[in-house]
Protein backbone atom coordinates (compact mmCIF):
# COMPACT_ATOMS: atom_id res chain seq x y z
CA MET A 1 53.65 12.38 -51.69
CA PRO A 2 55.28 12.50 -48.27
CA GLU A 3 58.48 9.98 -47.70
CA ILE A 4 58.76 7.87 -44.75
CA ARG A 5 62.48 7.27 -43.19
CA PHE A 6 63.75 5.88 -39.97
CA ALA A 7 63.68 8.90 -37.51
CA ALA A 8 66.93 10.36 -35.95
CA PRO A 9 67.82 11.82 -33.16
CA GLU A 10 67.58 15.53 -34.75
CA ASP A 11 63.83 14.53 -35.41
CA ALA A 12 63.13 14.68 -31.75
CA GLU A 13 62.07 18.77 -31.40
CA SER A 14 59.25 17.71 -33.92
CA ILE A 15 58.43 14.35 -32.69
CA ALA A 16 58.20 16.46 -29.27
CA ARG A 17 55.91 19.01 -31.23
CA ILE A 18 53.68 16.31 -32.66
CA TYR A 19 53.12 14.20 -29.22
CA ASN A 20 52.44 17.29 -27.50
CA GLN A 21 49.33 18.12 -29.46
CA ALA A 22 47.71 14.99 -28.72
CA VAL A 23 48.92 15.23 -25.16
CA LEU A 24 47.52 18.54 -24.72
CA HIS A 25 44.53 18.11 -26.94
CA SER A 26 43.03 14.56 -27.66
CA THR A 27 43.12 11.02 -25.95
CA ALA A 28 45.20 9.49 -28.35
CA THR A 29 47.65 9.78 -25.37
CA PHE A 30 46.63 9.53 -21.75
CA ASP A 31 50.03 11.15 -20.95
CA GLN A 32 49.07 14.70 -19.73
CA GLU A 33 52.50 16.43 -19.21
CA PRO A 34 54.27 18.11 -22.50
CA LYS A 35 57.64 16.11 -23.14
CA THR A 36 60.69 17.86 -24.27
CA ALA A 37 62.70 17.53 -27.26
CA GLU A 38 65.51 16.33 -24.93
CA ASP A 39 63.08 13.30 -23.46
CA ARG A 40 62.23 12.43 -26.91
CA ARG A 41 65.91 12.15 -28.14
CA GLN A 42 66.01 9.73 -24.87
CA TRP A 43 63.34 7.78 -25.70
CA LEU A 44 64.87 7.41 -29.44
CA ALA A 45 67.99 5.94 -28.05
CA HIS A 46 65.73 3.59 -26.50
CA HIS A 47 64.02 2.06 -29.35
CA GLY A 48 66.78 1.08 -31.01
CA PRO A 49 66.83 -1.12 -34.24
CA ARG A 50 64.82 -3.69 -32.97
CA HIS A 51 61.95 -1.39 -32.24
CA PRO A 52 62.26 1.32 -35.03
CA VAL A 53 60.58 4.78 -35.05
CA LEU A 54 59.84 6.38 -38.60
CA ALA A 55 59.22 9.62 -39.06
CA LEU A 56 56.40 11.12 -41.79
CA VAL A 57 58.56 13.91 -43.65
CA GLU A 58 57.26 16.45 -45.95
CA ASP A 59 59.67 19.38 -47.93
CA GLY A 60 61.84 18.36 -44.97
CA GLU A 61 59.66 18.93 -42.41
CA VAL A 62 58.34 16.39 -39.75
CA ILE A 63 54.95 15.94 -39.84
CA GLY A 64 53.98 12.61 -38.44
CA TRP A 65 55.99 9.85 -36.65
CA GLY A 66 55.28 5.75 -35.88
CA SER A 67 56.68 3.66 -33.64
CA LEU A 68 56.95 -0.01 -32.22
CA THR A 69 57.56 -0.51 -28.77
CA GLN A 70 58.69 -3.07 -26.78
CA TYR A 71 55.15 -4.55 -25.16
CA SER A 72 57.50 -6.17 -22.38
CA ASP A 73 60.77 -6.68 -20.85
CA ARG A 74 59.79 -10.18 -19.77
CA ARG A 75 61.94 -12.36 -22.58
CA ALA A 76 58.22 -14.60 -23.41
CA TYR A 77 57.00 -11.40 -24.62
CA ASP A 78 60.08 -10.75 -27.12
CA GLY A 79 57.89 -11.04 -30.59
CA THR A 80 55.07 -8.60 -29.21
CA VAL A 81 55.21 -4.83 -29.78
CA GLU A 82 53.05 -2.03 -29.09
CA ILE A 83 52.13 0.25 -32.22
CA SER A 84 51.51 4.08 -32.08
CA THR A 85 51.50 6.67 -34.42
CA TYR A 86 50.82 10.33 -34.34
CA ILE A 87 49.84 13.21 -37.09
CA ASP A 88 50.45 16.84 -37.03
CA GLU A 89 47.22 17.94 -36.32
CA SER A 90 47.48 19.97 -39.70
CA HIS A 91 47.87 17.09 -41.46
CA LEU A 92 45.32 15.02 -40.02
CA GLY A 93 42.44 13.35 -42.79
CA HIS A 94 45.05 12.38 -45.85
CA GLY A 95 45.68 8.65 -44.66
CA TYR A 96 49.22 9.23 -43.33
CA GLY A 97 48.49 7.70 -40.02
CA THR A 98 47.75 4.60 -42.24
CA MET A 99 50.70 4.87 -44.11
CA LEU A 100 52.93 5.41 -41.21
CA SER A 101 51.44 2.05 -39.68
CA GLU A 102 51.52 0.27 -43.07
CA ALA A 103 55.25 0.88 -43.20
CA LEU A 104 55.59 -0.25 -39.33
CA ILE A 105 53.80 -4.04 -40.02
CA ASP A 106 55.85 -4.43 -43.04
CA LEU A 107 58.68 -3.99 -41.22
CA ALA A 108 57.95 -6.05 -38.11
CA PRO A 109 58.25 -9.85 -39.56
CA SER A 110 62.13 -8.88 -40.01
CA LEU A 111 62.57 -7.52 -37.10
CA GLY A 112 61.15 -11.33 -35.31
CA ILE A 113 57.96 -9.40 -34.47
CA HIS A 114 54.65 -11.80 -34.39
CA VAL A 115 52.03 -9.63 -32.55
CA ILE A 116 51.68 -6.19 -32.90
CA LEU A 117 49.38 -4.62 -29.73
CA SER A 118 47.32 -1.20 -29.90
CA ARG A 119 45.55 0.39 -27.27
CA ILE A 120 42.92 3.11 -28.26
CA CYS A 121 40.33 5.10 -26.59
CA THR A 122 37.08 4.08 -27.25
CA GLU A 123 36.07 7.81 -28.23
CA ASN A 124 39.00 7.50 -31.08
CA THR A 125 36.94 6.26 -33.94
CA ALA A 126 39.74 7.54 -36.55
CA SER A 127 41.86 5.29 -35.28
CA LEU A 128 39.90 2.66 -34.52
CA ALA A 129 38.50 2.29 -37.83
CA MET A 130 42.02 2.88 -39.03
CA ALA A 131 43.23 -0.18 -36.78
CA ALA A 132 40.05 -2.28 -38.02
CA LYS A 133 41.22 -1.12 -41.90
CA LEU A 134 44.81 -2.56 -41.20
CA GLY A 135 43.60 -5.62 -40.06
CA PHE A 136 43.71 -5.41 -36.13
CA ARG A 137 41.19 -7.74 -34.15
CA GLU A 138 39.43 -6.19 -31.10
CA VAL A 139 40.27 -8.39 -27.91
CA GLY A 140 38.71 -6.84 -25.41
CA VAL A 141 37.95 -3.40 -23.63
CA MET A 142 39.32 -2.26 -20.54
CA HIS A 143 37.13 -0.03 -18.87
CA GLU A 144 37.48 3.58 -17.10
CA VAL A 145 41.53 2.62 -16.56
CA GLY A 146 42.30 6.05 -17.67
CA TYR A 147 40.93 9.56 -16.23
CA LYS A 148 42.13 12.66 -18.81
CA PHE A 149 40.07 16.10 -19.50
CA ASP A 150 37.74 15.46 -16.10
CA ARG A 151 36.76 12.06 -17.16
CA TRP A 152 37.25 8.03 -17.33
CA LEU A 153 37.95 6.94 -20.56
CA ASP A 154 37.67 3.33 -22.00
CA VAL A 155 40.53 1.97 -23.82
CA VAL A 156 40.06 -1.01 -26.51
CA LEU A 157 42.98 -3.72 -26.89
CA LEU A 158 43.46 -4.72 -30.44
CA GLU A 159 45.98 -7.35 -31.69
CA ALA A 160 47.23 -8.20 -35.07
CA LEU A 161 49.35 -11.06 -36.01
CA VAL A 162 52.28 -10.54 -38.31
């Protein structure tokens, strides 16, 4: 069974590799340019203790990661974050995304987080099912807000109060 721990700068290469799978092959992210390990090191440094990044590790290898990201720099949104979870393509379908997301949700109250938001492409049915299982509630659909793989994509906005 994989373990979950806080991500460290030395995880940046694995985090970039896993994220780039989604960048290049899915609509889980609307990024279209792969990220470098250095970019992910800077991204990790920006997150800090209030907005953690967790690593899912099996046999010493990072096979997934999840984060709570600041939603807005406007102070009134201080208790609101956005959740993201990415699993290596070769490890999908084992419940690891749910495991990471539950760990992040469990951390949220101790960090002063009150609301967790999630934006999921409507065609990402596995992530939508996971979010529903975790107690996220749909609050709206943003139509044709992203363009990737030569088509316009809709995004569901979900929230969970913690």
